[in-house]
Amino acid sequence: MPTYDYPCNERIRIMLRLEDLFAKMRFFTTGEHEFHHHTALLTMFQVLELIDRSDLKSDLLQELDRQKQMMESLRGNPVIAEDTLKALLQDISQALIGLRGMTGRIGQPLRDNEWLMAVKQRAVIPGGACEFDVPSYHFWLGLPAESRQADLELWMEPLQALEIALRVILHILRGSGAPMVCQASQGGYQQMLSGAKPSQMLRVSLPEDTTCFPEISANKYAINIRFSSYEGAQKSRGCELDFEFQLALCNL
């Protein structure tokens, strides 16, 4: 089922954006064409820009420590799968070791690389990384694909602990919400919320044959979902169908 994640606060919003960037960075790094590696490097620069705007390292450490304590308290619980719990605790411990082993800011070795920062400075200008702007970068793009891949893997190493920590936390977050079957009426759905702890993320899963996509707004009082239909290059229009979908309210 196609699933749409909707963050309900800025911290989760940043995490989801970074997850998306890491996935694209890994994908383009495995390619062989110079355009693949150009895009991988630009995506890496976006990761750096995003993590510069928040104190992500301390937030992730606190959350991983809290999750580890909670999971440890579940040991011996007969309704909990011991093997699954053990594997999750192992993932959390590895993520903590990686983050604690990082000195200074996340990705600092990349910022200290003068050549990378020179390319980054030109890359923010539309077309600014052309061969006449940065000849050394054009030379690098002309190296064998294996050499470029090795460089990209090396440059991604200072970001690896962050990537692993995000993967663990978002996995826990996504698994925290039990999907509820809901009914959209004429392409709309609204749910009032009680005064309980606000959700940190919503997950909307649609049937495979549904031609609509959700546009979500939410706060601690209500969830409002309006489904729209994709009209190609034209402006999307409201969906007027009645159909069932799944909604999960997720919290760490």
C-alpha atoms as a PDB file:
ATOM      1  CA  MET A   1       0.000   0.000   0.000  1.00  0.00           C
ATOM      2  CA  PRO A   2       1.369   3.491  -0.829  1.00  0.00           C
ATOM      3  CA  THR A   3       2.168   5.178   2.493  1.00  0.00           C
ATOM      4  CA  TYR A   4       2.581   8.888   3.264  1.00  0.00           C
ATOM      5  CA  ASP A   5       4.427  10.025   6.384  1.00  0.00           C
ATOM      6  CA  TYR A   6       3.453  13.398   7.815  1.00  0.00           C
ATOM      7  CA  PRO A   7       5.673  14.955  10.537  1.00  0.00           C
ATOM      8  CA  CYS A   8       3.889  16.810  13.324  1.00  0.00           C
ATOM      9  CA  ASN A   9       6.894  18.737  14.658  1.00  0.00           C
ATOM     10  CA  GLU A  10      10.100  20.268  13.353  1.00  0.00           C
ATOM     11  CA  ARG A  11      12.398  17.582  14.763  1.00  0.00           C
ATOM     12  CA  ILE A  12      10.642  14.747  12.914  1.00  0.00           C
ATOM     13  CA  ARG A  13      10.406  16.926   9.803  1.00  0.00           C
ATOM     14  CA  ILE A  14      14.207  17.278   9.732  1.00  0.00           C
ATOM     15  CA  MET A  15      14.680  13.554  10.326  1.00  0.00           C
ATOM     16  CA  LEU A  16      12.412  12.620   7.410  1.00  0.00           C
ATOM     17  CA  ARG A  17      14.144  15.093   5.118  1.00  0.00           C
ATOM     18  CA  LEU A  18      17.544  13.682   6.045  1.00  0.00           C
ATOM     19  CA  GLU A  19      16.316  10.119   5.528  1.00  0.00           C
ATOM     20  CA  ASP A  20      15.183  11.070   2.027  1.00  0.00           C
ATOM     21  CA  LEU A  21      18.510  12.751   1.238  1.00  0.00           C
ATOM     22  CA  PHE A  22      20.559   9.800   2.515  1.00  0.00           C
ATOM     23  CA  ALA A  23      18.541   7.385   0.348  1.00  0.00           C
ATOM     24  CA  LYS A  24      19.161   9.511  -2.752  1.00  0.00           C
ATOM     25  CA  MET A  25      22.829   9.972  -1.907  1.00  0.00           C
ATOM     26  CA  ARG A  26      23.347   6.214  -1.586  1.00  0.00           C
ATOM     27  CA  PHE A  27      21.446   5.546  -4.816  1.00  0.00           C
ATOM     28  CA  PHE A  28      23.440   7.983  -6.937  1.00  0.00           C
ATOM     29  CA  THR A  29      26.759   6.890  -5.417  1.00  0.00           C
ATOM     30  CA  THR A  30      26.228   3.348  -6.703  1.00  0.00           C
ATOM     31  CA  GLY A  31      25.856   4.657 -10.263  1.00  0.00           C
ATOM     32  CA  GLU A  32      28.813   4.937 -12.610  1.00  0.00           C
ATOM     33  CA  HIS A  33      28.084   7.966 -14.782  1.00  0.00           C
ATOM     34  CA  GLU A  34      29.627  11.290 -13.787  1.00  0.00           C
ATOM     35  CA  PHE A  35      26.117  12.776 -13.551  1.00  0.00           C
ATOM     36  CA  HIS A  36      25.246  10.168 -10.893  1.00  0.00           C
ATOM     37  CA  HIS A  37      28.228  11.222  -8.792  1.00  0.00           C
ATOM     38  CA  HIS A  38      27.601  14.926  -9.379  1.00  0.00           C
ATOM     39  CA  THR A  39      24.079  14.459  -8.003  1.00  0.00           C
ATOM     40  CA  ALA A  40      25.374  12.366  -5.080  1.00  0.00           C
ATOM     41  CA  LEU A  41      27.777  15.157  -4.117  1.00  0.00           C
ATOM     42  CA  LEU A  42      25.106  17.861  -4.407  1.00  0.00           C
ATOM     43  CA  THR A  43      22.859  15.748  -2.184  1.00  0.00           C
ATOM     44  CA  MET A  44      25.658  15.439   0.368  1.00  0.00           C
ATOM     45  CA  PHE A  45      25.928  19.226   0.420  1.00  0.00           C
ATOM     46  CA  GLN A  46      22.178  19.394   1.140  1.00  0.00           C
ATOM     47  CA  VAL A  47      22.675  17.054   4.105  1.00  0.00           C
ATOM     48  CA  LEU A  48      25.361  19.370   5.465  1.00  0.00           C
ATOM     49  CA  GLU A  49      23.106  22.412   5.042  1.00  0.00           C
ATOM     50  CA  LEU A  50      20.278  20.697   6.897  1.00  0.00           C
ATOM     51  CA  ILE A  51      22.287  19.457   9.872  1.00  0.00           C
ATOM     52  CA  ASP A  52      23.872  22.892  10.284  1.00  0.00           C
ATOM     53  CA  ARG A  53      20.461  24.273  11.224  1.00  0.00           C
ATOM     54  CA  SER A  54      19.799  22.093  14.265  1.00  0.00           C
ATOM     55  CA  ASP A  55      21.501  20.544  17.273  1.00  0.00           C
ATOM     56  CA  LEU A  56      20.677  17.106  15.955  1.00  0.00           C
ATOM     57  CA  LYS A  57      23.457  15.135  17.627  1.00  0.00           C
ATOM     58  CA  SER A  58      22.350  15.835  21.220  1.00  0.00           C
ATOM     59  CA  ASP A  59      18.677  15.261  20.297  1.00  0.00           C
ATOM     60  CA  LEU A  60      19.468  11.872  18.779  1.00  0.00           C
ATOM     61  CA  LEU A  61      21.651  10.818  21.724  1.00  0.00           C
ATOM     62  CA  GLN A  62      18.926  11.716  24.221  1.00  0.00           C
ATOM     63  CA  GLU A  63      16.264   9.891  22.231  1.00  0.00           C
ATOM     64  CA  LEU A  64      18.372   6.768  21.735  1.00  0.00           C
ATOM     65  CA  ASP A  65      19.229   6.666  25.463  1.00  0.00           C
ATOM     66  CA  ARG A  66      15.542   7.015  26.329  1.00  0.00           C
ATOM     67  CA  GLN A  67      14.518   4.288  23.896  1.00  0.00           C
ATOM     68  CA  LYS A  68      17.223   1.972  25.240  1.00  0.00           C
ATOM     69  CA  GLN A  69      15.947   2.382  28.801  1.00  0.00           C
ATOM     70  CA  MET A  70      12.376   1.722  27.688  1.00  0.00           C
ATOM     71  CA  MET A  71      13.367  -1.368  25.706  1.00  0.00           C
ATOM     72  CA  GLU A  72      15.478  -2.717  28.561  1.00  0.00           C
ATOM     73  CA  SER A  73      12.440  -2.517  30.834  1.00  0.00           C
ATOM     74  CA  LEU A  74      10.566  -4.844  28.442  1.00  0.00           C
ATOM     75  CA  ARG A  75      12.998  -7.732  28.887  1.00  0.00           C
ATOM     76  CA  GLY A  76      11.239 -10.812  30.150  1.00  0.00           C
ATOM     77  CA  ASN A  77       7.788  -9.553  29.150  1.00  0.00           C
ATOM     78  CA  PRO A  78       5.934 -12.621  27.793  1.00  0.00           C
ATOM     79  CA  VAL A  79       4.045 -10.596  25.150  1.00  0.00           C
ATOM     80  CA  ILE A  80       7.269  -9.207  23.647  1.00  0.00           C
ATOM     81  CA  ALA A  81       9.253 -11.230  21.082  1.00  0.00           C
ATOM     82  CA  GLU A  82      12.630 -11.601  22.786  1.00  0.00           C
ATOM     83  CA  ASP A  83      14.613 -11.991  19.553  1.00  0.00           C
ATOM     84  CA  THR A  84      13.071  -8.844  18.053  1.00  0.00           C
ATOM     85  CA  LEU A  85      13.723  -6.893  21.245  1.00  0.00           C
ATOM     86  CA  LYS A  86      17.324  -8.120  21.402  1.00  0.00           C
ATOM     87  CA  ALA A  87      17.969  -7.106  17.772  1.00  0.00           C
ATOM     88  CA  LEU A  88      16.459  -3.665  18.341  1.00  0.00           C
ATOM     89  CA  LEU A  89      18.544  -3.085  21.466  1.00  0.00           C
ATOM     90  CA  GLN A  90      21.628  -4.086  19.508  1.00  0.00           C
ATOM     91  CA  ASP A  91      20.770  -1.551  16.780  1.00  0.00           C
ATOM     92  CA  ILE A  92      20.251   1.184  19.389  1.00  0.00           C
ATOM     93  CA  SER A  93      23.567   0.372  21.095  1.00  0.00           C
ATOM     94  CA  GLN A  94      25.453   0.482  17.796  1.00  0.00           C
ATOM     95  CA  ALA A  95      23.847   3.825  16.925  1.00  0.00           C
ATOM     96  CA  LEU A  96      24.840   5.232  20.326  1.00  0.00           C
ATOM     97  CA  ILE A  97      28.423   4.033  19.966  1.00  0.00           C
ATOM     98  CA  GLY A  98      28.653   5.643  16.531  1.00  0.00           C
ATOM     99  CA  LEU A  99      27.293   9.015  17.640  1.00  0.00           C
ATOM    100  CA  ARG A 100      29.360   9.134  20.842  1.00  0.00           C
ATOM    101  CA  GLY A 101      32.471   8.308  18.845  1.00  0.00           C
ATOM    102  CA  MET A 102      32.059  11.448  16.764  1.00  0.00           C
ATOM    103  CA  THR A 103      34.089  14.422  17.916  1.00  0.00           C
ATOM    104  CA  GLY A 104      32.734  17.888  17.294  1.00  0.00           C
ATOM    105  CA  ARG A 105      29.898  18.637  14.925  1.00  0.00           C
ATOM    106  CA  ILE A 106      28.450  15.997  12.646  1.00  0.00           C
ATOM    107  CA  GLY A 107      30.231  16.122   9.289  1.00  0.00           C
ATOM    108  CA  GLN A 108      33.026  18.418  10.470  1.00  0.00           C
ATOM    109  CA  PRO A 109      35.716  16.611   8.391  1.00  0.00           C
ATOM    110  CA  LEU A 110      33.728  17.576   5.285  1.00  0.00           C
ATOM    111  CA  ARG A 111      33.644  21.236   6.316  1.00  0.00           C
ATOM    112  CA  ASP A 112      37.406  21.101   6.877  1.00  0.00           C
ATOM    113  CA  ASN A 113      37.956  19.854   3.314  1.00  0.00           C
ATOM    114  CA  GLU A 114      38.775  23.072   1.427  1.00  0.00           C
ATOM    115  CA  TRP A 115      38.274  21.518  -2.005  1.00  0.00           C
ATOM    116  CA  LEU A 116      34.799  20.185  -1.147  1.00  0.00           C
ATOM    117  CA  MET A 117      33.766  23.513   0.348  1.00  0.00           C
ATOM    118  CA  ALA A 118      34.989  25.341  -2.773  1.00  0.00           C
ATOM    119  CA  VAL A 119      32.838  23.048  -4.926  1.00  0.00           C
ATOM    120  CA  LYS A 120      29.906  23.498  -2.543  1.00  0.00           C
ATOM    121  CA  GLN A 121      30.189  27.272  -2.764  1.00  0.00           C
ATOM    122  CA  ARG A 122      29.975  27.159  -6.556  1.00  0.00           C
ATOM    123  CA  ALA A 123      27.305  24.438  -6.629  1.00  0.00           C
ATOM    124  CA  VAL A 124      24.680  26.670  -4.973  1.00  0.00           C
ATOM    125  CA  ILE A 125      24.829  28.921  -8.065  1.00  0.00           C
ATOM    126  CA  PRO A 126      22.661  27.592 -10.937  1.00  0.00           C
ATOM    127  CA  GLY A 127      25.141  26.009 -13.330  1.00  0.00           C
ATOM    128  CA  GLY A 128      27.988  27.230 -11.139  1.00  0.00           C
ATOM    129  CA  ALA A 129      29.883  23.928 -11.151  1.00  0.00           C
ATOM    130  CA  CYS A 130      30.654  23.998 -14.873  1.00  0.00           C
ATOM    131  CA  GLU A 131      34.138  23.069 -16.039  1.00  0.00           C
ATOM    132  CA  PHE A 132      35.191  26.695 -16.568  1.00  0.00           C
ATOM    133  CA  ASP A 133      34.065  27.599 -13.019  1.00  0.00           C
ATOM    134  CA  VAL A 134      35.744  24.722 -11.166  1.00  0.00           C
ATOM    135  CA  PRO A 135      38.301  23.000 -13.443  1.00  0.00           C
ATOM    136  CA  SER A 136      39.484  20.705 -10.638  1.00  0.00           C
ATOM    137  CA  TYR A 137      35.941  19.423 -10.161  1.00  0.00           C
ATOM    138  CA  HIS A 138      35.641  18.770 -13.897  1.00  0.00           C
ATOM    139  CA  PHE A 139      38.910  16.820 -13.666  1.00  0.00           C
ATOM    140  CA  TRP A 140      37.507  14.769 -10.740  1.00  0.00           C
ATOM    141  CA  LEU A 141      34.368  13.963 -12.719  1.00  0.00           C
ATOM    142  CA  GLY A 142      36.609  12.636 -15.483  1.00  0.00           C
ATOM    143  CA  LEU A 143      38.314  10.112 -13.207  1.00  0.00           C
ATOM    144  CA  PRO A 144      37.299   6.425 -13.439  1.00  0.00           C
ATOM    145  CA  ALA A 145      33.953   5.655 -11.802  1.00  0.00           C
ATOM    146  CA  GLU A 146      35.613   3.400  -9.208  1.00  0.00           C
ATOM    147  CA  SER A 147      37.832   6.255  -8.074  1.00  0.00           C
ATOM    148  CA  ARG A 148      34.903   8.647  -7.715  1.00  0.00           C
ATOM    149  CA  GLN A 149      32.880   6.041  -5.836  1.00  0.00           C
ATOM    150  CA  ALA A 150      35.769   5.484  -3.425  1.00  0.00           C
ATOM    151  CA  ASP A 151      35.984   9.224  -2.769  1.00  0.00           C
ATOM    152  CA  LEU A 152      32.228   9.502  -2.185  1.00  0.00           C
ATOM    153  CA  GLU A 153      32.273   6.559   0.224  1.00  0.00           C
ATOM    154  CA  LEU A 154      35.143   8.194   2.106  1.00  0.00           C
ATOM    155  CA  TRP A 155      33.311  11.528   2.302  1.00  0.00           C
ATOM    156  CA  MET A 156      30.136   9.859   3.519  1.00  0.00           C
ATOM    157  CA  GLU A 157      31.884   8.175   6.453  1.00  0.00           C
ATOM    158  CA  PRO A 158      31.575  11.213   8.799  1.00  0.00           C
ATOM    159  CA  LEU A 159      27.804  11.124   8.166  1.00  0.00           C
ATOM    160  CA  GLN A 160      27.346   7.375   8.612  1.00  0.00           C
ATOM    161  CA  ALA A 161      26.662   7.457  12.371  1.00  0.00           C
ATOM    162  CA  LEU A 162      23.936  10.032  11.781  1.00  0.00           C
ATOM    163  CA  GLU A 163      22.406   7.932   9.019  1.00  0.00           C
ATOM    164  CA  ILE A 164      22.314   4.829  11.240  1.00  0.00           C
ATOM    165  CA  ALA A 165      20.835   6.719  14.210  1.00  0.00           C
ATOM    166  CA  LEU A 166      18.096   8.196  12.022  1.00  0.00           C
ATOM    167  CA  ARG A 167      17.281   4.785  10.587  1.00  0.00           C
ATOM    168  CA  VAL A 168      16.895   3.276  14.073  1.00  0.00           C
ATOM    169  CA  ILE A 169      14.761   6.093  15.491  1.00  0.00           C
ATOM    170  CA  LEU A 170      12.460   6.331  12.469  1.00  0.00           C
ATOM    171  CA  HIS A 171      12.056   2.551  12.480  1.00  0.00           C
ATOM    172  CA  ILE A 172      10.902   2.713  16.113  1.00  0.00           C
ATOM    173  CA  LEU A 173       8.646   5.678  15.381  1.00  0.00           C
ATOM    174  CA  ARG A 174       6.959   4.029  12.393  1.00  0.00           C
ATOM    175  CA  GLY A 175       6.386   0.851  14.359  1.00  0.00           C
ATOM    176  CA  SER A 176       4.801   2.665  17.303  1.00  0.00           C
ATOM    177  CA  GLY A 177       1.465   3.388  15.646  1.00  0.00           C
ATOM    178  CA  ALA A 178      -1.210   0.730  15.180  1.00  0.00           C
ATOM    179  CA  PRO A 179      -2.957   1.248  11.805  1.00  0.00           C
ATOM    180  CA  MET A 180      -6.682   2.072  12.061  1.00  0.00           C
ATOM    181  CA  VAL A 181      -9.094   1.547   9.172  1.00  0.00           C
ATOM    182  CA  CYS A 182     -10.755   4.888   8.404  1.00  0.00           C
ATOM    183  CA  GLN A 183     -13.377   5.990   5.926  1.00  0.00           C
ATOM    184  CA  ALA A 184     -12.872   8.939   3.582  1.00  0.00           C
ATOM    185  CA  SER A 185     -16.163  10.568   2.649  1.00  0.00           C
ATOM    186  CA  GLN A 186     -16.178  12.433  -0.668  1.00  0.00           C
ATOM    187  CA  GLY A 187     -12.408  12.678  -0.496  1.00  0.00           C
ATOM    188  CA  GLY A 188     -12.211  14.077   3.017  1.00  0.00           C
ATOM    189  CA  TYR A 189     -11.523  12.863   6.542  1.00  0.00           C
ATOM    190  CA  GLN A 190     -11.407  14.596   9.896  1.00  0.00           C
ATOM    191  CA  GLN A 191     -10.662  13.238  13.352  1.00  0.00           C
ATOM    192  CA  MET A 192     -10.843  15.137  16.596  1.00  0.00           C
ATOM    193  CA  LEU A 193      -8.119  14.299  19.101  1.00  0.00           C
ATOM    194  CA  SER A 194      -8.331  14.047  22.865  1.00  0.00           C
ATOM    195  CA  GLY A 195      -5.999  15.835  25.225  1.00  0.00           C
ATOM    196  CA  ALA A 196      -3.548  12.932  25.141  1.00  0.00           C
ATOM    197  CA  LYS A 197       0.080  13.280  24.092  1.00  0.00           C
ATOM    198  CA  PRO A 198       0.182  14.780  20.560  1.00  0.00           C
ATOM    199  CA  SER A 199       1.312  12.453  17.788  1.00  0.00           C
ATOM    200  CA  GLN A 200       4.768  13.067  16.352  1.00  0.00           C
ATOM    201  CA  MET A 201       4.006  11.566  12.968  1.00  0.00           C
ATOM    202  CA  LEU A 202       0.966  10.399  10.988  1.00  0.00           C
ATOM    203  CA  ARG A 203       1.085   7.543   8.502  1.00  0.00           C
ATOM    204  CA  VAL A 204      -1.594   7.344   5.832  1.00  0.00           C
ATOM    205  CA  SER A 205      -1.713   4.151   3.752  1.00  0.00           C
ATOM    206  CA  LEU A 206      -3.950   3.962   0.686  1.00  0.00           C
ATOM    207  CA  PRO A 207      -5.249   1.020  -1.358  1.00  0.00           C
ATOM    208  CA  GLU A 208      -3.147   0.229  -4.418  1.00  0.00           C
ATOM    209  CA  ASP A 209      -5.953   1.133  -6.823  1.00  0.00           C
ATOM    210  CA  THR A 210      -6.669   4.544  -5.273  1.00  0.00           C
ATOM    211  CA  THR A 211      -5.989   7.404  -7.669  1.00  0.00           C
ATOM    212  CA  CYS A 212      -5.817  10.011  -4.883  1.00  0.00           C
ATOM    213  CA  PHE A 213      -3.077  11.347  -2.635  1.00  0.00           C
ATOM    214  CA  PRO A 214      -3.508  12.915   0.826  1.00  0.00           C
ATOM    215  CA  GLU A 215      -2.923  16.545   1.776  1.00  0.00           C
ATOM    216  CA  ILE A 216      -2.631  16.526   5.559  1.00  0.00           C
ATOM    217  CA  SER A 217      -2.873  19.131   8.276  1.00  0.00           C
ATOM    218  CA  ALA A 218      -2.769  18.257  11.953  1.00  0.00           C
ATOM    219  CA  ASN A 219      -2.360  19.739  15.412  1.00  0.00           C
ATOM    220  CA  LYS A 220      -2.975  18.501  18.955  1.00  0.00           C
ATOM    221  CA  TYR A 221      -6.732  19.031  18.543  1.00  0.00           C
ATOM    222  CA  ALA A 222      -7.586  17.552  15.145  1.00  0.00           C
ATOM    223  CA  ILE A 223      -6.423  15.754  12.022  1.00  0.00           C
ATOM    224  CA  ASN A 224      -7.724  16.933   8.689  1.00  0.00           C
ATOM    225  CA  ILE A 225      -7.013  15.026   5.469  1.00  0.00           C
ATOM    226  CA  ARG A 226      -8.129  16.143   2.055  1.00  0.00           C
ATOM    227  CA  PHE A 227      -7.562  13.737  -0.812  1.00  0.00           C
ATOM    228  CA  SER A 228      -6.786  15.083  -4.264  1.00  0.00           C
ATOM    229  CA  SER A 229      -6.387  13.531  -7.720  1.00  0.00           C
ATOM    230  CA  TYR A 230      -3.289  13.982  -9.849  1.00  0.00           C
ATOM    231  CA  GLU A 231      -4.074  15.605 -13.181  1.00  0.00           C
ATOM    232  CA  GLY A 232      -0.718  15.296 -14.874  1.00  0.00           C
ATOM    233  CA  ALA A 233       0.868  18.676 -15.566  1.00  0.00           C
ATOM    234  CA  GLN A 234      -2.411  20.387 -14.682  1.00  0.00           C
ATOM    235  CA  LYS A 235      -3.411  21.567 -11.235  1.00  0.00           C
ATOM    236  CA  SER A 236      -4.624  18.750  -8.963  1.00  0.00           C
ATOM    237  CA  ARG A 237      -8.305  18.664  -8.135  1.00  0.00           C
ATOM    238  CA  GLY A 238     -10.233  17.423  -5.142  1.00  0.00           C
ATOM    239  CA  CYS A 239     -11.117  13.743  -5.027  1.00  0.00           C
ATOM    240  CA  GLU A 240     -14.833  13.108  -4.473  1.00  0.00           C
ATOM    241  CA  LEU A 241     -14.642   9.366  -3.848  1.00  0.00           C
ATOM    242  CA  ASP A 242     -15.577   7.353  -0.760  1.00  0.00           C
ATOM    243  CA  PHE A 243     -12.973   4.764   0.186  1.00  0.00           C
ATOM    244  CA  GLU A 244     -11.205   3.123   3.107  1.00  0.00           C
ATOM    245  CA  PHE A 245      -7.616   3.867   4.091  1.00  0.00           C
ATOM    246  CA  GLN A 246      -5.352   3.210   7.055  1.00  0.00           C
ATOM    247  CA  LEU A 247      -4.188   5.837   9.532  1.00  0.00           C
ATOM    248  CA  ALA A 248      -1.493   5.335  12.191  1.00  0.00           C
ATOM    249  CA  LEU A 249      -0.674   7.846  14.941  1.00  0.00           C
ATOM    250  CA  CYS A 250       3.001   7.440  15.822  1.00  0.00           C
ATOM    251  CA  ASN A 251       4.877   8.508  18.936  1.00  0.00           C
ATOM    252  CA  LEU A 252       8.328   7.843  20.345  1.00  0.00           C
END
